[in-house]
Amino acid sequence: MIIQRKSSRLLVVSVVIAVVAMTTLQAHEMMYRGTVVEVQATKVAVKTTDDKTKKTETVWLTVNKDTKVKRGDVLVPYREAHIAKDERIVVIVNHDAETKMLATEIRLAPSH
């Protein structure tokens, strides 16, 4: 009986920890999809449309030395990515980072 209670408590605790961990992981990152409005040395402006409200807005996303930039499947430095105005872009942002709206990854179409 005592072993059964310990096993039940352990199971409940394990489930709670798993749910909290999954929720925490999901809360960290947000994906912005849209087109490039402007590119600067440390930030990029993206015109994006909210899927639910259909409202279009421009968001400024910060880029730093740790931001990964992929052109197709190739990792390239931000300055060598040659990001162009009106180009399609996907940006993953870490909302838990100390830097507001910090891009952790930028995804672009392959160069032609």
PDB file of N, CA and C in Angstrom:
ATOM      1  N   MET A   1       0.817  -1.184   0.000  1.00  0.00           N
ATOM      2  CA  MET A   1       0.000   0.000   0.000  1.00  0.00           C
ATOM      3  C   MET A   1       0.876   1.269   0.000  1.00  0.00           C
ATOM      4  N   ILE A   2       1.913   1.283   0.861  1.00  0.00           N
ATOM      5  CA  ILE A   2       2.814   2.428   0.932  1.00  0.00           C
ATOM      6  C   ILE A   2       3.585   2.576  -0.375  1.00  0.00           C
ATOM      7  N   ILE A   3       4.003   1.484  -0.958  1.00  0.00           N
ATOM      8  CA  ILE A   3       4.732   1.520  -2.229  1.00  0.00           C
ATOM      9  C   ILE A   3       3.828   2.069  -3.323  1.00  0.00           C
ATOM     10  N   GLN A   4       2.567   1.678  -3.300  1.00  0.00           N
ATOM     11  CA  GLN A   4       1.611   2.147  -4.298  1.00  0.00           C
ATOM     12  C   GLN A   4       1.436   3.668  -4.195  1.00  0.00           C
ATOM     13  N   ARG A   5       1.347   4.201  -2.999  1.00  0.00           N
ATOM     14  CA  ARG A   5       1.185   5.647  -2.802  1.00  0.00           C
ATOM     15  C   ARG A   5       2.415   6.397  -3.302  1.00  0.00           C
ATOM     16  N   LYS A   6       3.598   5.874  -2.983  1.00  0.00           N
ATOM     17  CA  LYS A   6       4.830   6.514  -3.442  1.00  0.00           C
ATOM     18  C   LYS A   6       4.901   6.507  -4.960  1.00  0.00           C
ATOM     19  N   SER A   7       4.523   5.395  -5.565  1.00  0.00           N
ATOM     20  CA  SER A   7       4.528   5.293  -7.022  1.00  0.00           C
ATOM     21  C   SER A   7       3.534   6.277  -7.629  1.00  0.00           C
ATOM     22  N   SER A   8       2.366   6.399  -7.030  1.00  0.00           N
ATOM     23  CA  SER A   8       1.345   7.332  -7.520  1.00  0.00           C
ATOM     24  C   SER A   8       1.827   8.770  -7.403  1.00  0.00           C
ATOM     25  N   ARG A   9       2.436   9.111  -6.271  1.00  0.00           N
ATOM     26  CA  ARG A   9       2.964  10.472  -6.083  1.00  0.00           C
ATOM     27  C   ARG A   9       4.077  10.765  -7.087  1.00  0.00           C
ATOM     28  N   LEU A  10       4.935   9.801  -7.285  1.00  0.00           N
ATOM     29  CA  LEU A  10       6.030   9.960  -8.233  1.00  0.00           C
ATOM     30  C   LEU A  10       5.495  10.180  -9.644  1.00  0.00           C
ATOM     31  N   LEU A  11       4.482   9.435 -10.009  1.00  0.00           N
ATOM     32  CA  LEU A  11       3.864   9.582 -11.329  1.00  0.00           C
ATOM     33  C   LEU A  11       3.251  10.967 -11.486  1.00  0.00           C
ATOM     34  N   VAL A  12       2.516  11.426 -10.485  1.00  0.00           N
ATOM     35  CA  VAL A  12       1.886  12.745 -10.527  1.00  0.00           C
ATOM     36  C   VAL A  12       2.949  13.841 -10.631  1.00  0.00           C
ATOM     37  N   VAL A  13       3.980  13.739  -9.827  1.00  0.00           N
ATOM     38  CA  VAL A  13       5.060  14.735  -9.866  1.00  0.00           C
ATOM     39  C   VAL A  13       5.733  14.733 -11.236  1.00  0.00           C
ATOM     40  N   SER A  14       5.979  13.564 -11.789  1.00  0.00           N
ATOM     41  CA  SER A  14       6.609  13.457 -13.108  1.00  0.00           C
ATOM     42  C   SER A  14       5.754  14.102 -14.184  1.00  0.00           C
ATOM     43  N   VAL A  15       4.454  13.864 -14.137  1.00  0.00           N
ATOM     44  CA  VAL A  15       3.543  14.452 -15.128  1.00  0.00           C
ATOM     45  C   VAL A  15       3.528  15.973 -14.993  1.00  0.00           C
ATOM     46  N   VAL A  16       3.457  16.475 -13.772  1.00  0.00           N
ATOM     47  CA  VAL A  16       3.455  17.923 -13.547  1.00  0.00           C
ATOM     48  C   VAL A  16       4.744  18.544 -14.080  1.00  0.00           C
ATOM     49  N   ILE A  17       5.873  17.940 -13.802  1.00  0.00           N
ATOM     50  CA  ILE A  17       7.159  18.453 -14.291  1.00  0.00           C
ATOM     51  C   ILE A  17       7.185  18.455 -15.814  1.00  0.00           C
ATOM     52  N   ALA A  18       6.702  17.398 -16.436  1.00  0.00           N
ATOM     53  CA  ALA A  18       6.682  17.319 -17.900  1.00  0.00           C
ATOM     54  C   ALA A  18       5.796  18.401 -18.498  1.00  0.00           C
ATOM     55  N   VAL A  19       4.626  18.626 -17.933  1.00  0.00           N
ATOM     56  CA  VAL A  19       3.708  19.648 -18.447  1.00  0.00           C
ATOM     57  C   VAL A  19       4.316  21.038 -18.292  1.00  0.00           C
ATOM     58  N   VAL A  20       4.908  21.317 -17.144  1.00  0.00           N
ATOM     59  CA  VAL A  20       5.539  22.616 -16.923  1.00  0.00           C
ATOM     60  C   VAL A  20       6.696  22.814 -17.899  1.00  0.00           C
ATOM     61  N   ALA A  21       7.502  21.797 -18.106  1.00  0.00           N
ATOM     62  CA  ALA A  21       8.634  21.893 -19.034  1.00  0.00           C
ATOM     63  C   ALA A  21       8.151  22.152 -20.446  1.00  0.00           C
ATOM     64  N   MET A  22       7.109  21.467 -20.887  1.00  0.00           N
ATOM     65  CA  MET A  22       6.584  21.665 -22.248  1.00  0.00           C
ATOM     66  C   MET A  22       6.023  23.069 -22.400  1.00  0.00           C
ATOM     67  N   THR A  23       5.301  23.550 -21.414  1.00  0.00           N
ATOM     68  CA  THR A  23       4.740  24.892 -21.461  1.00  0.00           C
ATOM     69  C   THR A  23       5.849  25.926 -21.499  1.00  0.00           C
ATOM     70  N   THR A  24       6.879  25.729 -20.706  1.00  0.00           N
ATOM     71  CA  THR A  24       8.003  26.650 -20.673  1.00  0.00           C
ATOM     72  C   THR A  24       8.713  26.681 -22.018  1.00  0.00           C
ATOM     73  N   LEU A  25       8.938  25.532 -22.620  1.00  0.00           N
ATOM     74  CA  LEU A  25       9.602  25.490 -23.919  1.00  0.00           C
ATOM     75  C   LEU A  25       8.787  26.191 -24.980  1.00  0.00           C
ATOM     76  N   GLN A  26       7.498  26.008 -24.985  1.00  0.00           N
ATOM     77  CA  GLN A  26       6.646  26.637 -25.978  1.00  0.00           C
ATOM     78  C   GLN A  26       6.591  28.147 -25.790  1.00  0.00           C
ATOM     79  N   ALA A  27       6.712  28.628 -24.589  1.00  0.00           N
ATOM     80  CA  ALA A  27       6.593  30.051 -24.314  1.00  0.00           C
ATOM     81  C   ALA A  27       7.834  30.840 -24.726  1.00  0.00           C
ATOM     82  N   HIS A  28       8.947  30.199 -24.921  1.00  0.00           N
ATOM     83  CA  HIS A  28      10.205  30.886 -25.201  1.00  0.00           C
ATOM     84  C   HIS A  28      10.269  31.528 -26.583  1.00  0.00           C
ATOM     85  N   GLU A  29       9.825  30.835 -27.592  1.00  0.00           N
ATOM     86  CA  GLU A  29      10.055  31.297 -28.956  1.00  0.00           C
ATOM     87  C   GLU A  29       8.763  31.621 -29.680  1.00  0.00           C
ATOM     88  N   MET A  30       8.868  32.598 -30.579  1.00  0.00           N
ATOM     89  CA  MET A  30       7.748  32.959 -31.438  1.00  0.00           C
ATOM     90  C   MET A  30       8.306  33.143 -32.849  1.00  0.00           C
ATOM     91  N   MET A  31       7.525  32.741 -33.831  1.00  0.00           N
ATOM     92  CA  MET A  31       7.969  32.815 -35.210  1.00  0.00           C
ATOM     93  C   MET A  31       7.230  33.949 -35.929  1.00  0.00           C
ATOM     94  N   TYR A  32       8.001  34.797 -36.597  1.00  0.00           N
ATOM     95  CA  TYR A  32       7.446  35.878 -37.413  1.00  0.00           C
ATOM     96  C   TYR A  32       7.712  35.544 -38.877  1.00  0.00           C
ATOM     97  N   ARG A  33       6.663  35.531 -39.678  1.00  0.00           N
ATOM     98  CA  ARG A  33       6.792  35.289 -41.122  1.00  0.00           C
ATOM     99  C   ARG A  33       6.314  36.524 -41.856  1.00  0.00           C
ATOM    100  N   GLY A  34       7.027  36.904 -42.906  1.00  0.00           N
ATOM    101  CA  GLY A  34       6.598  38.068 -43.661  1.00  0.00           C
ATOM    102  C   GLY A  34       7.601  38.463 -44.709  1.00  0.00           C
ATOM    103  N   THR A  35       7.634  39.767 -44.971  1.00  0.00           N
ATOM    104  CA  THR A  35       8.571  40.299 -45.960  1.00  0.00           C
ATOM    105  C   THR A  35       9.435  41.370 -45.301  1.00  0.00           C
ATOM    106  N   VAL A  36      10.637  41.502 -45.814  1.00  0.00           N
ATOM    107  CA  VAL A  36      11.601  42.461 -45.277  1.00  0.00           C
ATOM    108  C   VAL A  36      11.193  43.875 -45.684  1.00  0.00           C
ATOM    109  N   VAL A  37      11.170  44.760 -44.704  1.00  0.00           N
ATOM    110  CA  VAL A  37      10.877  46.169 -44.952  1.00  0.00           C
ATOM    111  C   VAL A  37      12.176  46.958 -45.000  1.00  0.00           C
ATOM    112  N   GLU A  38      13.070  46.667 -44.043  1.00  0.00           N
ATOM    113  CA  GLU A  38      14.345  47.386 -43.951  1.00  0.00           C
ATOM    114  C   GLU A  38      15.371  46.519 -43.225  1.00  0.00           C
ATOM    115  N   VAL A  39      16.629  46.669 -43.603  1.00  0.00           N
ATOM    116  CA  VAL A  39      17.718  45.934 -42.969  1.00  0.00           C
ATOM    117  C   VAL A  39      18.748  46.946 -42.473  1.00  0.00           C
ATOM    118  N   GLN A  40      19.126  46.806 -41.197  1.00  0.00           N
ATOM    119  CA  GLN A  40      20.167  47.641 -40.610  1.00  0.00           C
ATOM    120  C   GLN A  40      21.233  46.726 -40.020  1.00  0.00           C
ATOM    121  N   ALA A  41      22.310  47.297 -39.532  1.00  0.00           N
ATOM    122  CA  ALA A  41      23.441  46.509 -39.020  1.00  0.00           C
ATOM    123  C   ALA A  41      23.058  45.598 -37.852  1.00  0.00           C
ATOM    124  N   THR A  42      22.146  46.041 -36.989  1.00  0.00           N
ATOM    125  CA  THR A  42      21.802  45.244 -35.806  1.00  0.00           C
ATOM    126  C   THR A  42      20.315  44.931 -35.684  1.00  0.00           C
ATOM    127  N   LYS A  43      19.554  45.220 -36.738  1.00  0.00           N
ATOM    128  CA  LYS A  43      18.134  44.888 -36.685  1.00  0.00           C
ATOM    129  C   LYS A  43      17.526  44.815 -38.081  1.00  0.00           C
ATOM    130  N   VAL A  44      16.374  44.143 -38.131  1.00  0.00           N
ATOM    131  CA  VAL A  44      15.668  43.990 -39.393  1.00  0.00           C
ATOM    132  C   VAL A  44      14.180  44.247 -39.135  1.00  0.00           C
ATOM    133  N   ALA A  45      13.539  44.955 -40.054  1.00  0.00           N
ATOM    134  CA  ALA A  45      12.105  45.223 -39.951  1.00  0.00           C
ATOM    135  C   ALA A  45      11.372  44.246 -40.856  1.00  0.00           C
ATOM    136  N   VAL A  46      10.335  43.618 -40.302  1.00  0.00           N
ATOM    137  CA  VAL A  46       9.570  42.615 -41.041  1.00  0.00           C
ATOM    138  C   VAL A  46       8.096  43.000 -41.036  1.00  0.00           C
ATOM    139  N   LYS A  47       7.504  43.012 -42.214  1.00  0.00           N
ATOM    140  CA  LYS A  47       6.064  43.250 -42.346  1.00  0.00           C
ATOM    141  C   LYS A  47       5.389  41.891 -42.227  1.00  0.00           C
ATOM    142  N   THR A  48       4.546  41.742 -41.215  1.00  0.00           N
ATOM    143  CA  THR A  48       3.934  40.459 -40.925  1.00  0.00           C
ATOM    144  C   THR A  48       2.430  40.636 -40.729  1.00  0.00           C
ATOM    145  N   THR A  49       1.675  39.573 -40.978  1.00  0.00           N
ATOM    146  CA  THR A  49       0.232  39.599 -40.808  1.00  0.00           C
ATOM    147  C   THR A  49      -0.172  38.582 -39.752  1.00  0.00           C
ATOM    148  N   ASP A  50      -0.942  39.021 -38.767  1.00  0.00           N
ATOM    149  CA  ASP A  50      -1.435  38.145 -37.717  1.00  0.00           C
ATOM    150  C   ASP A  50      -2.455  37.182 -38.323  1.00  0.00           C
ATOM    151  N   ASP A  51      -2.252  35.878 -38.111  1.00  0.00           N
ATOM    152  CA  ASP A  51      -3.147  34.863 -38.673  1.00  0.00           C
ATOM    153  C   ASP A  51      -4.586  34.995 -38.182  1.00  0.00           C
ATOM    154  N   LYS A  52      -4.755  35.373 -36.939  1.00  0.00           N
ATOM    155  CA  LYS A  52      -6.102  35.458 -36.360  1.00  0.00           C
ATOM    156  C   LYS A  52      -6.824  36.744 -36.733  1.00  0.00           C
ATOM    157  N   THR A  53      -6.164  37.884 -36.539  1.00  0.00           N
ATOM    158  CA  THR A  53      -6.823  39.177 -36.756  1.00  0.00           C
ATOM    159  C   THR A  53      -6.686  39.679 -38.188  1.00  0.00           C
ATOM    160  N   LYS A  54      -5.758  39.108 -38.947  1.00  0.00           N
ATOM    161  CA  LYS A  54      -5.453  39.532 -40.323  1.00  0.00           C
ATOM    162  C   LYS A  54      -4.893  40.957 -40.374  1.00  0.00           C
ATOM    163  N   LYS A  55      -4.478  41.472 -39.232  1.00  0.00           N
ATOM    164  CA  LYS A  55      -3.895  42.806 -39.153  1.00  0.00           C
ATOM    165  C   LYS A  55      -2.421  42.742 -39.547  1.00  0.00           C
ATOM    166  N   THR A  56      -2.001  43.659 -40.398  1.00  0.00           N
ATOM    167  CA  THR A  56      -0.612  43.725 -40.841  1.00  0.00           C
ATOM    168  C   THR A  56       0.125  44.778 -40.022  1.00  0.00           C
ATOM    169  N   GLU A  57       1.337  44.410 -39.585  1.00  0.00           N
ATOM    170  CA  GLU A  57       2.163  45.352 -38.837  1.00  0.00           C
ATOM    171  C   GLU A  57       3.634  45.129 -39.179  1.00  0.00           C
ATOM    172  N   THR A  58       4.432  46.139 -38.911  1.00  0.00           N
ATOM    173  CA  THR A  58       5.875  46.033 -39.090  1.00  0.00           C
ATOM    174  C   THR A  58       6.508  45.887 -37.716  1.00  0.00           C
ATOM    175  N   VAL A  59       7.325  44.842 -37.560  1.00  0.00           N
ATOM    176  CA  VAL A  59       8.024  44.612 -36.295  1.00  0.00           C
ATOM    177  C   VAL A  59       9.526  44.708 -36.527  1.00  0.00           C
ATOM    178  N   TRP A  60      10.207  45.348 -35.576  1.00  0.00           N
ATOM    179  CA  TRP A  60      11.664  45.441 -35.609  1.00  0.00           C
ATOM    180  C   TRP A  60      12.227  44.336 -34.744  1.00  0.00           C
ATOM    181  N   LEU A  61      13.134  43.562 -35.314  1.00  0.00           N
ATOM    182  CA  LEU A  61      13.740  42.428 -34.619  1.00  0.00           C
ATOM    183  C   LEU A  61      15.247  42.661 -34.516  1.00  0.00           C
ATOM    184  N   THR A  62      15.768  42.488 -33.321  1.00  0.00           N
ATOM    185  CA  THR A  62      17.180  42.729 -33.054  1.00  0.00           C
ATOM    186  C   THR A  62      18.018  41.525 -33.488  1.00  0.00           C
ATOM    187  N   VAL A  63      19.174  41.815 -34.064  1.00  0.00           N
ATOM    188  CA  VAL A  63      20.121  40.788 -34.505  1.00  0.00           C
ATOM    189  C   VAL A  63      21.419  41.001 -33.739  1.00  0.00           C
ATOM    190  N   ASN A  64      22.016  39.896 -33.256  1.00  0.00           N
ATOM    191  CA  ASN A  64      23.315  40.019 -32.599  1.00  0.00           C
ATOM    192  C   ASN A  64      24.262  38.942 -33.135  1.00  0.00           C
ATOM    193  N   LYS A  65      25.431  38.838 -32.532  1.00  0.00           N
ATOM    194  CA  LYS A  65      26.444  37.898 -33.032  1.00  0.00           C
ATOM    195  C   LYS A  65      26.011  36.449 -32.924  1.00  0.00           C
ATOM    196  N   ASP A  66      25.055  36.152 -32.055  1.00  0.00           N
ATOM    197  CA  ASP A  66      24.592  34.778 -31.878  1.00  0.00           C
ATOM    198  C   ASP A  66      23.406  34.410 -32.767  1.00  0.00           C
ATOM    199  N   THR A  67      22.865  35.379 -33.497  1.00  0.00           N
ATOM    200  CA  THR A  67      21.741  35.104 -34.382  1.00  0.00           C
ATOM    201  C   THR A  67      22.216  34.235 -35.540  1.00  0.00           C
ATOM    202  N   LYS A  68      21.563  33.093 -35.731  1.00  0.00           N
ATOM    203  CA  LYS A  68      21.896  32.203 -36.853  1.00  0.00           C
ATOM    204  C   LYS A  68      21.101  32.667 -38.071  1.00  0.00           C
ATOM    205  N   VAL A  69      21.774  32.703 -39.208  1.00  0.00           N
ATOM    206  CA  VAL A  69      21.110  33.078 -40.454  1.00  0.00           C
ATOM    207  C   VAL A  69      21.281  31.930 -41.438  1.00  0.00           C
ATOM    208  N   LYS A  70      20.164  31.435 -41.935  1.00  0.00           N
ATOM    209  CA  LYS A  70      20.190  30.349 -42.915  1.00  0.00           C
ATOM    210  C   LYS A  70      19.627  30.840 -44.238  1.00  0.00           C
ATOM    211  N   ARG A  71      20.436  30.690 -45.278  1.00  0.00           N
ATOM    212  CA  ARG A  71      19.971  30.971 -46.629  1.00  0.00           C
ATOM    213  C   ARG A  71      19.806  29.591 -47.249  1.00  0.00           C
ATOM    214  N   GLY A  72      18.532  29.147 -47.351  1.00  0.00           N
ATOM    215  CA  GLY A  72      18.275  27.755 -47.705  1.00  0.00           C
ATOM    216  C   GLY A  72      18.738  26.908 -46.541  1.00  0.00           C
ATOM    217  N   ASP A  73      19.597  25.931 -46.805  1.00  0.00           N
ATOM    218  CA  ASP A  73      20.142  25.085 -45.747  1.00  0.00           C
ATOM    219  C   ASP A  73      21.535  25.501 -45.311  1.00  0.00           C
ATOM    220  N   VAL A  74      22.040  26.606 -45.874  1.00  0.00           N
ATOM    221  CA  VAL A  74      23.411  27.044 -45.619  1.00  0.00           C
ATOM    222  C   VAL A  74      23.436  28.138 -44.555  1.00  0.00           C
ATOM    223  N   LEU A  75      24.250  27.943 -43.538  1.00  0.00           N
ATOM    224  CA  LEU A  75      24.441  28.937 -42.488  1.00  0.00           C
ATOM    225  C   LEU A  75      25.391  30.017 -43.015  1.00  0.00           C
ATOM    226  N   VAL A  76      24.955  31.278 -42.946  1.00  0.00           N
ATOM    227  CA  VAL A  76      25.780  32.391 -43.439  1.00  0.00           C
ATOM    228  C   VAL A  76      25.814  33.500 -42.391  1.00  0.00           C
ATOM    229  N   PRO A  77      26.886  34.298 -42.374  1.00  0.00           N
ATOM    230  CA  PRO A  77      26.916  35.453 -41.472  1.00  0.00           C
ATOM    231  C   PRO A  77      25.842  36.463 -41.882  1.00  0.00           C
ATOM    232  N   TYR A  78      25.275  37.159 -40.912  1.00  0.00           N
ATOM    233  CA  TYR A  78      24.207  38.135 -41.160  1.00  0.00           C
ATOM    234  C   TYR A  78      24.603  39.140 -42.236  1.00  0.00           C
ATOM    235  N   ARG A  79      25.800  39.691 -42.129  1.00  0.00           N
ATOM    236  CA  ARG A  79      26.241  40.719 -43.098  1.00  0.00           C
ATOM    237  C   ARG A  79      26.420  40.161 -44.506  1.00  0.00           C
ATOM    238  N   GLU A  80      26.666  38.850 -44.610  1.00  0.00           N
ATOM    239  CA  GLU A  80      26.867  38.235 -45.928  1.00  0.00           C
ATOM    240  C   GLU A  80      25.598  37.586 -46.473  1.00  0.00           C
ATOM    241  N   ALA A  81      24.508  37.698 -45.748  1.00  0.00           N
ATOM    242  CA  ALA A  81      23.248  37.095 -46.199  1.00  0.00           C
ATOM    243  C   ALA A  81      22.604  37.899 -47.321  1.00  0.00           C
ATOM    244  N   HIS A  82      22.984  39.173 -47.439  1.00  0.00           N
ATOM    245  CA  HIS A  82      22.450  40.064 -48.472  1.00  0.00           C
ATOM    246  C   HIS A  82      20.920  40.042 -48.470  1.00  0.00           C
ATOM    247  N   ILE A  83      20.355  40.311 -47.309  1.00  0.00           N
ATOM    248  CA  ILE A  83      18.902  40.337 -47.160  1.00  0.00           C
ATOM    249  C   ILE A  83      18.368  41.557 -47.898  1.00  0.00           C
ATOM    250  N   ALA A  84      17.371  41.336 -48.751  1.00  0.00           N
ATOM    251  CA  ALA A  84      16.851  42.398 -49.615  1.00  0.00           C
ATOM    252  C   ALA A  84      15.439  42.813 -49.211  1.00  0.00           C
ATOM    253  N   LYS A  85      15.117  44.055 -49.477  1.00  0.00           N
ATOM    254  CA  LYS A  85      13.774  44.568 -49.235  1.00  0.00           C
ATOM    255  C   LYS A  85      12.770  43.735 -50.036  1.00  0.00           C
ATOM    256  N   ASP A  86      11.619  43.469 -49.436  1.00  0.00           N
ATOM    257  CA  ASP A  86      10.516  42.688 -50.024  1.00  0.00           C
ATOM    258  C   ASP A  86      10.808  41.196 -50.130  1.00  0.00           C
ATOM    259  N   GLU A  87      11.954  40.755 -49.631  1.00  0.00           N
ATOM    260  CA  GLU A  87      12.279  39.327 -49.622  1.00  0.00           C
ATOM    261  C   GLU A  87      11.469  38.633 -48.531  1.00  0.00           C
ATOM    262  N   ARG A  88      11.023  37.409 -48.802  1.00  0.00           N
ATOM    263  CA  ARG A  88      10.318  36.613 -47.798  1.00  0.00           C
ATOM    264  C   ARG A  88      11.307  36.220 -46.708  1.00  0.00           C
ATOM    265  N   ILE A  89      10.836  36.233 -45.456  1.00  0.00           N
ATOM    266  CA  ILE A  89      11.705  35.965 -44.322  1.00  0.00           C
ATOM    267  C   ILE A  89      10.913  35.292 -43.203  1.00  0.00           C
ATOM    268  N   VAL A  90      11.593  34.438 -42.463  1.00  0.00           N
ATOM    269  CA  VAL A  90      11.045  33.842 -41.246  1.00  0.00           C
ATOM    270  C   VAL A  90      12.060  34.127 -40.145  1.00  0.00           C
ATOM    271  N   VAL A  91      11.573  34.675 -39.032  1.00  0.00           N
ATOM    272  CA  VAL A  91      12.459  35.017 -37.924  1.00  0.00           C
ATOM    273  C   VAL A  91      11.923  34.374 -36.652  1.00  0.00           C
ATOM    274  N   ILE A  92      12.791  33.659 -35.950  1.00  0.00           N
ATOM    275  CA  ILE A  92      12.434  33.059 -34.670  1.00  0.00           C
ATOM    276  C   ILE A  92      12.992  33.969 -33.585  1.00  0.00           C
ATOM    277  N   VAL A  93      12.107  34.375 -32.664  1.00  0.00           N
ATOM    278  CA  VAL A  93      12.466  35.325 -31.618  1.00  0.00           C
ATOM    279  C   VAL A  93      12.349  34.660 -30.256  1.00  0.00           C
ATOM    280  N   ASN A  94      13.343  34.897 -29.416  1.00  0.00           N
ATOM    281  CA  ASN A  94      13.326  34.404 -28.043  1.00  0.00           C
ATOM    282  C   ASN A  94      12.779  35.514 -27.151  1.00  0.00           C
ATOM    283  N   HIS A  95      11.541  35.353 -26.701  1.00  0.00           N
ATOM    284  CA  HIS A  95      10.922  36.382 -25.865  1.00  0.00           C
ATOM    285  C   HIS A  95      11.433  36.374 -24.431  1.00  0.00           C
ATOM    286  N   ASP A  96      12.213  35.378 -24.058  1.00  0.00           N
ATOM    287  CA  ASP A  96      12.779  35.333 -22.714  1.00  0.00           C
ATOM    288  C   ASP A  96      14.173  35.948 -22.656  1.00  0.00           C
ATOM    289  N   ALA A  97      14.708  36.328 -23.799  1.00  0.00           N
ATOM    290  CA  ALA A  97      16.051  36.917 -23.828  1.00  0.00           C
ATOM    291  C   ALA A  97      16.030  38.295 -23.169  1.00  0.00           C
ATOM    292  N   GLU A  98      17.163  38.691 -22.627  1.00  0.00           N
ATOM    293  CA  GLU A  98      17.269  40.014 -22.010  1.00  0.00           C
ATOM    294  C   GLU A  98      17.072  41.116 -23.046  1.00  0.00           C
ATOM    295  N   THR A  99      17.563  40.888 -24.264  1.00  0.00           N
ATOM    296  CA  THR A  99      17.394  41.847 -25.345  1.00  0.00           C
ATOM    297  C   THR A  99      15.994  41.694 -25.912  1.00  0.00           C
ATOM    298  N   LYS A 100      15.252  42.787 -25.965  1.00  0.00           N
ATOM    299  CA  LYS A 100      13.876  42.748 -26.448  1.00  0.00           C
ATOM    300  C   LYS A 100      13.846  42.391 -27.941  1.00  0.00           C
ATOM    301  N   MET A 101      12.947  41.465 -28.298  1.00  0.00           N
ATOM    302  CA  MET A 101      12.721  41.042 -29.686  1.00  0.00           C
ATOM    303  C   MET A 101      14.012  40.538 -30.347  1.00  0.00           C
ATOM    304  N   LEU A 102      14.778  39.727 -29.628  1.00  0.00           N
ATOM    305  CA  LEU A 102      16.044  39.187 -30.123  1.00  0.00           C
ATOM    306  C   LEU A 102      15.797  38.012 -31.072  1.00  0.00           C
ATOM    307  N   ALA A 103      16.280  38.140 -32.298  1.00  0.00           N
ATOM    308  CA  ALA A 103      16.175  37.068 -33.287  1.00  0.00           C
ATOM    309  C   ALA A 103      17.224  36.012 -32.982  1.00  0.00           C
ATOM    310  N   THR A 104      16.776  34.776 -32.761  1.00  0.00           N
ATOM    311  CA  THR A 104      17.723  33.691 -32.551  1.00  0.00           C
ATOM    312  C   THR A 104      18.068  33.024 -33.869  1.00  0.00           C
ATOM    313  N   GLU A 105      17.118  33.080 -34.812  1.00  0.00           N
ATOM    314  CA  GLU A 105      17.362  32.479 -36.127  1.00  0.00           C
ATOM    315  C   GLU A 105      16.585  33.235 -37.203  1.00  0.00           C
ATOM    316  N   ILE A 106      17.236  33.422 -38.343  1.00  0.00           N
ATOM    317  CA  ILE A 106      16.608  34.026 -39.520  1.00  0.00           C
ATOM    318  C   ILE A 106      16.697  32.998 -40.636  1.00  0.00           C
ATOM    319  N   ARG A 107      15.577  32.766 -41.304  1.00  0.00           N
ATOM    320  CA  ARG A 107      15.533  31.818 -42.417  1.00  0.00           C
ATOM    321  C   ARG A 107      15.140  32.555 -43.695  1.00  0.00           C
ATOM    322  N   LEU A 108      15.933  32.323 -44.721  1.00  0.00           N
ATOM    323  CA  LEU A 108      15.735  32.963 -46.024  1.00  0.00           C
ATOM    324  C   LEU A 108      15.739  31.916 -47.119  1.00  0.00           C
ATOM    325  N   ALA A 109      15.186  32.262 -48.270  1.00  0.00           N
ATOM    326  CA  ALA A 109      15.206  31.370 -49.422  1.00  0.00           C
ATOM    327  C   ALA A 109      16.644  31.234 -49.922  1.00  0.00           C
ATOM    328  N   PRO A 110      16.956  30.095 -50.580  1.00  0.00           N
ATOM    329  CA  PRO A 110      18.320  29.937 -51.121  1.00  0.00           C
ATOM    330  C   PRO A 110      18.609  30.988 -52.188  1.00  0.00           C
ATOM    331  N   SER A 111      19.884  31.329 -52.330  1.00  0.00           N
ATOM    332  CA  SER A 111      20.297  32.263 -53.389  1.00  0.00           C
ATOM    333  C   SER A 111      20.178  31.586 -54.743  1.00  0.00           C
ATOM    334  N   HIS A 112      19.880  32.365 -55.740  1.00  0.00           N
ATOM    335  CA  HIS A 112      19.774  31.793 -57.097  1.00  0.00           C
ATOM    336  C   HIS A 112      20.963  32.106 -57.921  1.00  0.00           C
TER     337      HIS A 112
END
